[in-house]
Protein backbone atom coordinates (compact mmCIF):
# COMPACT_ATOMS: atom_id res chain seq x y z
CA UNK A 1 -101.80 17.01 105.07
CA UNK A 2 -102.56 13.96 103.11
CA UNK A 3 -102.16 13.94 99.50
CA UNK A 4 -104.84 11.19 98.90
CA UNK A 5 -107.48 12.80 101.29
CA UNK A 6 -106.95 16.38 100.22
CA UNK A 7 -106.49 16.05 96.55
CA UNK A 8 -110.25 16.50 95.87
CA UNK A 9 -110.19 19.71 97.62
CA UNK A 10 -107.01 21.21 96.29
CA UNK A 11 -108.11 20.21 92.76
CA UNK A 12 -111.56 21.93 93.29
CA UNK A 13 -109.94 25.08 94.48
CA UNK A 14 -107.35 24.88 91.58
CA UNK A 15 -110.29 24.84 89.02
CA UNK A 16 -112.02 27.52 90.60
CA UNK A 17 -108.86 29.84 90.39
CA UNK A 18 -108.58 28.77 86.75
CA UNK A 19 -112.33 29.81 86.03
CA UNK A 20 -112.56 33.13 88.07
CA UNK A 21 -108.95 34.31 88.52
CA UNK A 22 -107.43 33.31 85.06
CA UNK A 23 -110.63 33.31 83.32
CA UNK A 24 -109.77 30.10 81.44
CA UNK A 25 -112.13 28.49 79.07
CA UNK A 26 -114.49 25.38 79.87
CA UNK A 27 -112.49 23.24 77.75
CA UNK A 28 -109.29 24.40 79.11
CA UNK A 29 -110.52 23.96 82.59
CA UNK A 30 -111.90 20.23 81.71
CA UNK A 31 -108.36 19.51 80.27
CA UNK A 32 -106.64 20.47 83.44
CA UNK A 33 -109.05 18.41 85.54
CA UNK A 34 -108.44 15.38 83.41
CA UNK A 35 -104.69 15.47 83.29
CA UNK A 36 -104.57 15.97 87.29
CA UNK A 37 -107.05 13.16 87.89
CA UNK A 38 -104.56 11.20 85.73
CA UNK A 39 -101.98 12.15 87.76
CA UNK A 40 -103.71 11.14 91.05
CA UNK A 41 -104.70 7.81 89.55
CA UNK A 42 -101.01 7.10 88.41
CA UNK A 43 -99.45 8.05 91.69
CA UNK A 44 -102.00 5.89 93.54
CA UNK A 45 -101.35 2.89 91.37
CA UNK A 46 -97.65 3.37 91.97
CA UNK A 47 -98.07 3.96 95.75
CA UNK A 48 -96.64 7.30 95.63
CA UNK A 49 -97.56 10.86 96.66
CA UNK A 50 -96.61 14.53 96.69
CA UNK A 51 -95.80 16.19 99.85
CA UNK A 52 -94.41 19.55 98.82
CA UNK A 53 -90.72 18.91 99.40
CA UNK A 54 -87.54 18.36 97.29
CA UNK A 55 -88.48 14.58 97.53
CA UNK A 56 -91.34 15.30 94.94
CA UNK A 57 -89.07 15.38 92.07
CA UNK A 58 -88.35 11.71 92.20
CA UNK A 59 -92.10 11.15 92.33
CA UNK A 60 -92.67 13.35 89.44
CA UNK A 61 -89.82 11.52 87.37
CA UNK A 62 -91.56 8.05 88.29
CA UNK A 63 -94.91 9.90 86.88
CA UNK A 64 -93.29 10.95 83.82
CA UNK A 65 -91.76 7.37 83.33
CA UNK A 66 -95.14 5.97 83.72
CA UNK A 67 -96.56 8.29 80.88
CA UNK A 68 -93.91 7.29 78.70
CA UNK A 69 -94.37 3.54 78.95
CA UNK A 70 -95.23 1.46 75.81
CA UNK A 71 -98.38 -0.30 76.04
CA UNK A 72 -99.16 -4.01 74.98
CA UNK A 73 -99.88 -2.82 71.36
CA UNK A 74 -96.39 -1.10 71.21
CA UNK A 75 -97.90 2.32 71.34
CA UNK A 76 -96.82 5.24 73.49
CA UNK A 77 -98.15 8.71 74.23
CA UNK A 78 -97.16 11.46 72.08
CA UNK A 79 -94.38 13.83 73.53
CA UNK A 80 -96.83 16.75 72.89
CA UNK A 81 -99.56 14.82 75.19
CA UNK A 82 -96.90 14.34 77.87
CA UNK A 83 -95.83 17.85 77.72
CA UNK A 84 -99.45 19.12 78.16
CA UNK A 85 -100.04 16.64 81.19
CA UNK A 86 -96.73 18.00 82.79
CA UNK A 87 -97.60 21.63 82.08
CA UNK A 88 -101.05 20.95 83.98
CA UNK A 89 -99.10 19.53 86.84
CA UNK A 90 -96.67 22.21 86.89
CA UNK A 91 -99.53 24.74 87.20
CA UNK A 92 -101.27 22.90 89.74
CA UNK A 93 -98.16 22.61 92.16
CA UNK A 94 -97.15 26.18 91.53
CA UNK A 95 -100.78 27.07 92.78
CA UNK A 96 -100.25 24.86 95.73
CA UNK A 97 -97.08 26.56 96.71
CA UNK A 98 -98.79 30.01 96.01
CA UNK A 99 -101.54 29.17 98.52
CA UNK A 100 -99.05 27.73 100.99
CA UNK A 101 -100.10 24.35 100.75
CA UNK A 102 -96.86 23.12 99.50
CA UNK A 103 -93.35 24.57 100.62
CA UNK A 104 -91.49 23.50 97.66
CA UNK A 105 -92.11 23.23 93.68
CA UNK A 106 -90.31 20.38 92.56
CA UNK A 107 -92.23 20.28 89.16
CA UNK A 108 -90.19 23.32 88.01
CA UNK A 109 -87.15 21.07 87.76
CA UNK A 110 -89.07 18.27 85.83
CA UNK A 111 -87.87 17.77 82.27
CA UNK A 112 -90.18 16.77 79.63
CA UNK A 113 -89.28 14.89 76.26
CA UNK A 114 -88.69 17.09 73.45
CA UNK A 115 -91.23 16.60 70.67
CA UNK A 116 -91.52 17.79 67.17
CA UNK A 117 -91.67 21.56 66.67
CA UNK A 118 -95.05 22.74 65.43
CA UNK A 119 -95.04 25.61 63.03
CA UNK A 120 -97.43 28.30 64.06
CA UNK A 121 -100.85 28.45 62.45
CA UNK A 122 -100.92 31.25 59.93
CA UNK A 123 -103.95 32.44 58.00
CA UNK A 124 -103.79 33.38 54.17
CA UNK A 125 -103.66 36.86 52.91
CA UNK A 126 -106.83 36.09 50.77
CA UNK A 127 -108.74 34.76 53.77
CA UNK A 128 -107.78 37.94 55.91
CA UNK A 129 -109.03 40.07 53.02
CA UNK A 130 -112.39 38.16 52.99
CA UNK A 131 -113.13 38.45 56.83
CA UNK A 132 -111.86 41.83 57.42
CA UNK A 133 -114.61 44.05 55.93
CA UNK A 134 -116.93 46.48 57.23
CA UNK A 135 -119.80 44.75 58.97
CA UNK A 136 -123.21 44.85 57.12
CA UNK A 137 -125.04 45.67 60.48
CA UNK A 138 -123.57 48.45 62.21
CA UNK A 139 -124.23 47.09 65.70
CA UNK A 140 -121.95 47.77 68.60
CA UNK A 141 -120.80 44.05 68.81
CA UNK A 142 -120.03 43.79 65.12
CA UNK A 143 -118.40 46.86 64.74
CA UNK A 144 -116.26 46.17 67.76
CA UNK A 145 -115.39 42.92 66.75
CA UNK A 146 -113.92 44.07 63.09
CA UNK A 147 -111.84 46.50 64.91
CA UNK A 148 -110.71 43.68 67.47
CA UNK A 149 -109.53 41.40 64.59
CA UNK A 150 -107.93 44.47 62.68
CA UNK A 151 -105.73 45.26 65.73
CA UNK A 152 -104.70 41.80 66.43
CA UNK A 153 -103.78 41.36 62.86
CA UNK A 154 -102.42 45.00 62.11
CA UNK A 155 -100.19 45.03 65.16
CA UNK A 156 -99.47 41.43 66.09
CA UNK A 157 -100.82 41.95 69.77
CA UNK A 158 -101.16 39.48 72.35
CA UNK A 159 -104.80 38.92 73.58
CA UNK A 160 -103.90 40.66 76.77
CA UNK A 161 -102.22 43.43 75.40
CA UNK A 162 -105.30 44.18 73.41
CA UNK A 163 -107.74 43.86 76.29
CA UNK A 164 -105.61 46.22 78.32
CA UNK A 165 -105.60 49.10 75.79
CA UNK A 166 -106.94 52.39 77.07
CA UNK A 167 -108.00 55.45 74.99
CA UNK A 168 -104.93 57.17 76.24
CA UNK A 169 -102.63 54.55 74.84
CA UNK A 170 -103.69 55.56 71.18
CA UNK A 171 -101.69 58.13 69.29
CA UNK A 172 -103.69 58.47 66.05
CA UNK A 173 -101.40 61.38 64.83
CA UNK A 174 -98.45 59.07 64.96
CA UNK A 175 -100.49 55.96 64.17
CA UNK A 176 -99.22 54.04 67.04
CA UNK A 177 -100.62 52.28 70.27
CA UNK A 178 -98.81 51.82 73.37
CA UNK A 179 -99.29 48.24 75.04
CA UNK A 180 -98.14 46.58 78.08
CA UNK A 181 -96.82 43.37 77.30
CA UNK A 182 -95.02 40.31 79.03
CA UNK A 183 -92.99 41.30 82.28
CA UNK A 184 -94.93 44.52 82.63
CA UNK A 185 -92.76 45.96 79.84
CA UNK A 186 -94.50 48.64 77.49
CA UNK A 187 -93.82 49.06 73.74
CA UNK A 188 -94.77 51.35 71.28
CA UNK A 189 -96.68 49.29 68.01
CA UNK A 190 -97.67 50.82 64.83
CA UNK A 191 -101.30 50.77 63.57
CA UNK A 192 -102.08 50.09 60.08
CA UNK A 193 -104.40 52.28 58.06
CA UNK A 194 -107.19 49.69 57.97
CA UNK A 195 -107.01 49.23 61.65
CA UNK A 196 -107.22 52.98 62.30
CA UNK A 197 -110.35 52.99 59.78
CA UNK A 198 -111.92 50.06 61.86
CA UNK A 199 -111.24 52.16 65.20
CA UNK A 200 -112.90 55.14 63.48
CA UNK A 201 -116.19 53.20 62.87
CA UNK A 202 -115.93 51.87 66.42
CA UNK A 203 -115.14 54.99 68.66
CA UNK A 204 -118.66 56.69 68.10
CA UNK A 205 -120.47 53.46 69.28
CA UNK A 206 -117.89 53.16 72.15
CA UNK A 207 -118.31 56.80 73.27
CA UNK A 208 -121.96 56.55 73.16
CA UNK A 209 -121.88 53.83 75.82
CA UNK A 210 -123.56 55.46 79.10
CA UNK A 211 -122.57 52.80 81.45
CA UNK A 212 -118.99 51.91 81.53
CA UNK A 213 -116.80 50.39 84.57
CA UNK A 214 -113.46 52.06 83.26
CA UNK A 215 -113.97 55.27 81.32
CA UNK A 216 -110.82 54.88 79.50
CA UNK A 217 -110.97 51.20 78.37
CA UNK A 218 -111.00 51.27 74.76
CA UNK A 219 -112.57 47.77 74.00
CA UNK A 220 -115.61 46.91 76.16
CA UNK A 221 -118.57 44.44 76.42
CA UNK A 222 -122.01 45.68 75.71
CA UNK A 223 -122.65 45.67 79.48
CA UNK A 224 -119.73 48.37 79.76
CA UNK A 225 -117.25 46.14 81.35
CA UNK A 226 -113.75 45.81 79.89
CA UNK A 227 -113.40 43.21 77.17
CA UNK A 228 -112.36 39.88 78.46
CA UNK A 229 -109.69 37.42 77.14
CA UNK A 230 -112.59 34.79 76.96
CA UNK A 231 -114.44 37.21 74.74
CA UNK A 232 -111.70 37.86 72.48
CA UNK A 233 -111.37 34.20 71.97
CA UNK A 234 -115.19 33.93 70.98
CA UNK A 235 -114.66 36.93 68.44
CA UNK A 236 -111.92 35.23 66.55
CA UNK A 237 -113.67 31.94 66.59
CA UNK A 238 -116.81 33.61 65.37
CA UNK A 239 -115.38 35.60 62.69
CA UNK A 240 -113.27 32.88 61.32
CA UNK A 241 -115.82 29.84 61.64
CA UNK A 242 -116.52 29.66 57.81
CA UNK A 243 -112.91 30.26 56.71
CA UNK A 244 -111.54 27.47 54.55
CA UNK A 245 -108.01 27.27 55.69
CA UNK A 246 -108.31 27.70 59.37
CA UNK A 247 -108.69 24.40 61.41
CA UNK A 248 -108.57 26.15 64.73
CA UNK A 249 -109.15 29.90 65.26
CA UNK A 250 -107.51 31.67 68.25
CA UNK A 251 -106.18 35.16 68.93
CA UNK A 252 -102.61 34.17 69.03
CA UNK A 253 -103.31 33.01 65.30
CA UNK A 254 -103.35 36.35 64.32
CA UNK A 255 -100.29 37.24 66.08
CA UNK A 256 -98.50 34.56 64.10
CA UNK A 257 -100.28 35.85 60.81
CA UNK A 258 -99.09 39.33 61.38
CA UNK A 259 -95.27 38.32 61.82
CA UNK A 260 -95.54 36.00 58.77
CA UNK A 261 -96.89 38.30 56.45
CA UNK A 262 -94.78 40.88 57.55
CA UNK A 263 -91.82 38.64 56.61
CA UNK A 264 -93.22 37.59 53.29
CA UNK A 265 -93.33 41.09 52.26
CA UNK A 266 -89.59 41.82 53.19
CA UNK A 267 -89.81 43.15 56.51
CA UNK A 268 -86.70 43.13 58.64
CA UNK A 269 -86.51 40.59 61.19
CA UNK A 270 -85.28 42.79 63.93
CA UNK A 271 -88.42 45.12 63.14
CA UNK A 272 -90.79 42.22 63.57
CA UNK A 273 -89.00 41.31 66.77
CA UNK A 274 -89.79 44.92 68.08
CA UNK A 275 -93.36 44.96 66.82
CA UNK A 276 -94.07 41.65 68.55
CA UNK A 277 -92.24 42.43 71.64
CA UNK A 278 -90.01 39.25 71.69
CA UNK A 279 -86.86 39.32 74.13
CA UNK A 280 -84.86 37.33 71.72
CA UNK A 281 -84.43 37.09 68.30
CA UNK A 282 -84.55 33.44 68.36
CA UNK A 283 -88.06 33.59 69.03
CA UNK A 284 -88.95 35.48 66.06
CA UNK A 285 -86.70 33.40 63.88
CA UNK A 286 -89.28 30.63 63.81
CA UNK A 287 -91.37 32.65 61.54
CA UNK A 288 -88.62 32.44 58.70
CA UNK A 289 -89.36 28.87 58.57
CA UNK A 290 -92.73 29.51 57.46
CA UNK A 291 -91.67 32.10 55.00
CA UNK A 292 -89.00 29.74 53.50
CA UNK A 293 -91.60 27.11 53.32
CA UNK A 294 -94.08 29.27 51.64
CA UNK A 295 -91.40 30.22 49.05
CA UNK A 296 -90.18 26.74 48.33
CA UNK A 297 -94.15 25.83 47.81
CA UNK A 298 -94.77 28.73 45.24
CA UNK A 299 -91.25 27.86 43.41
CA UNK A 300 -92.35 24.18 42.97
CA UNK A 301 -95.46 25.20 41.74
CA UNK A 302 -94.23 28.17 39.41
CA UNK A 303 -90.97 27.49 38.15
CA UNK A 304 -90.75 25.32 34.79
CA UNK A 305 -87.80 23.68 36.12
CA UNK A 306 -88.55 22.73 39.55
CA UNK A 307 -89.08 19.13 38.74
CA UNK A 308 -92.72 19.09 39.84
CA UNK A 309 -94.43 19.61 36.63
């Protein structure tokens, strides 16, 4: 096994894995490829190579040091960019271990610099109201897409959780849906009235499909296959493409929005934690920063003695 000789073959296999097994987008695959080519280039320049042993940790630390260097103009790579590159390397080495090419994963021990915490991207209530309407054309795709957005927003679902929903997971009487979350843990999530209404429009069209691969699948493509994560990405981007306050639309954005709007309207933090399926309350607490910031913004604009007149 030679890192320099075998790297192109390993990289090709990894990118195929991302495309076919992980269903990653072309943009994600291209980003991974660029980051891993950078890894190869840096290691070759430093006369280092990865061999799949504990010694790789020192090699990766050297790689991290090179990424952190300041250039001739006094500029250095952002910590967020370094973290992204390291994440790509971690995924790549984990893949090599999984395929039996490497026997040891040293990347899991590599520590990256802590960057500035970014607050989640949240859509305003006004924008949500403007995009969530009954579609003018009652086509299968349009009605399905509205139901998808309603469920993501109403219940704070992850993309994978939404794709995995079956008809048998829905309880219309109790107005809940059962989803399979991280760690194969199931939870019961409430459904809002508007989400149920959107589903009521979608059900007849879904049941009218004659060729369906999985009869119990709730959301499907027009071909009859179960809805894919990539298609969910497309739906969200399409629905929010003209929204004025959305810079980059993605499915997780609606999960952030659901949590923030619940807290804005007085929901208990622990209840929001249970809705989202978080293991730790600390994960949910990051949304309180958003609500506090929004409260301060409203106060500064509205209170006569805020000092911002």
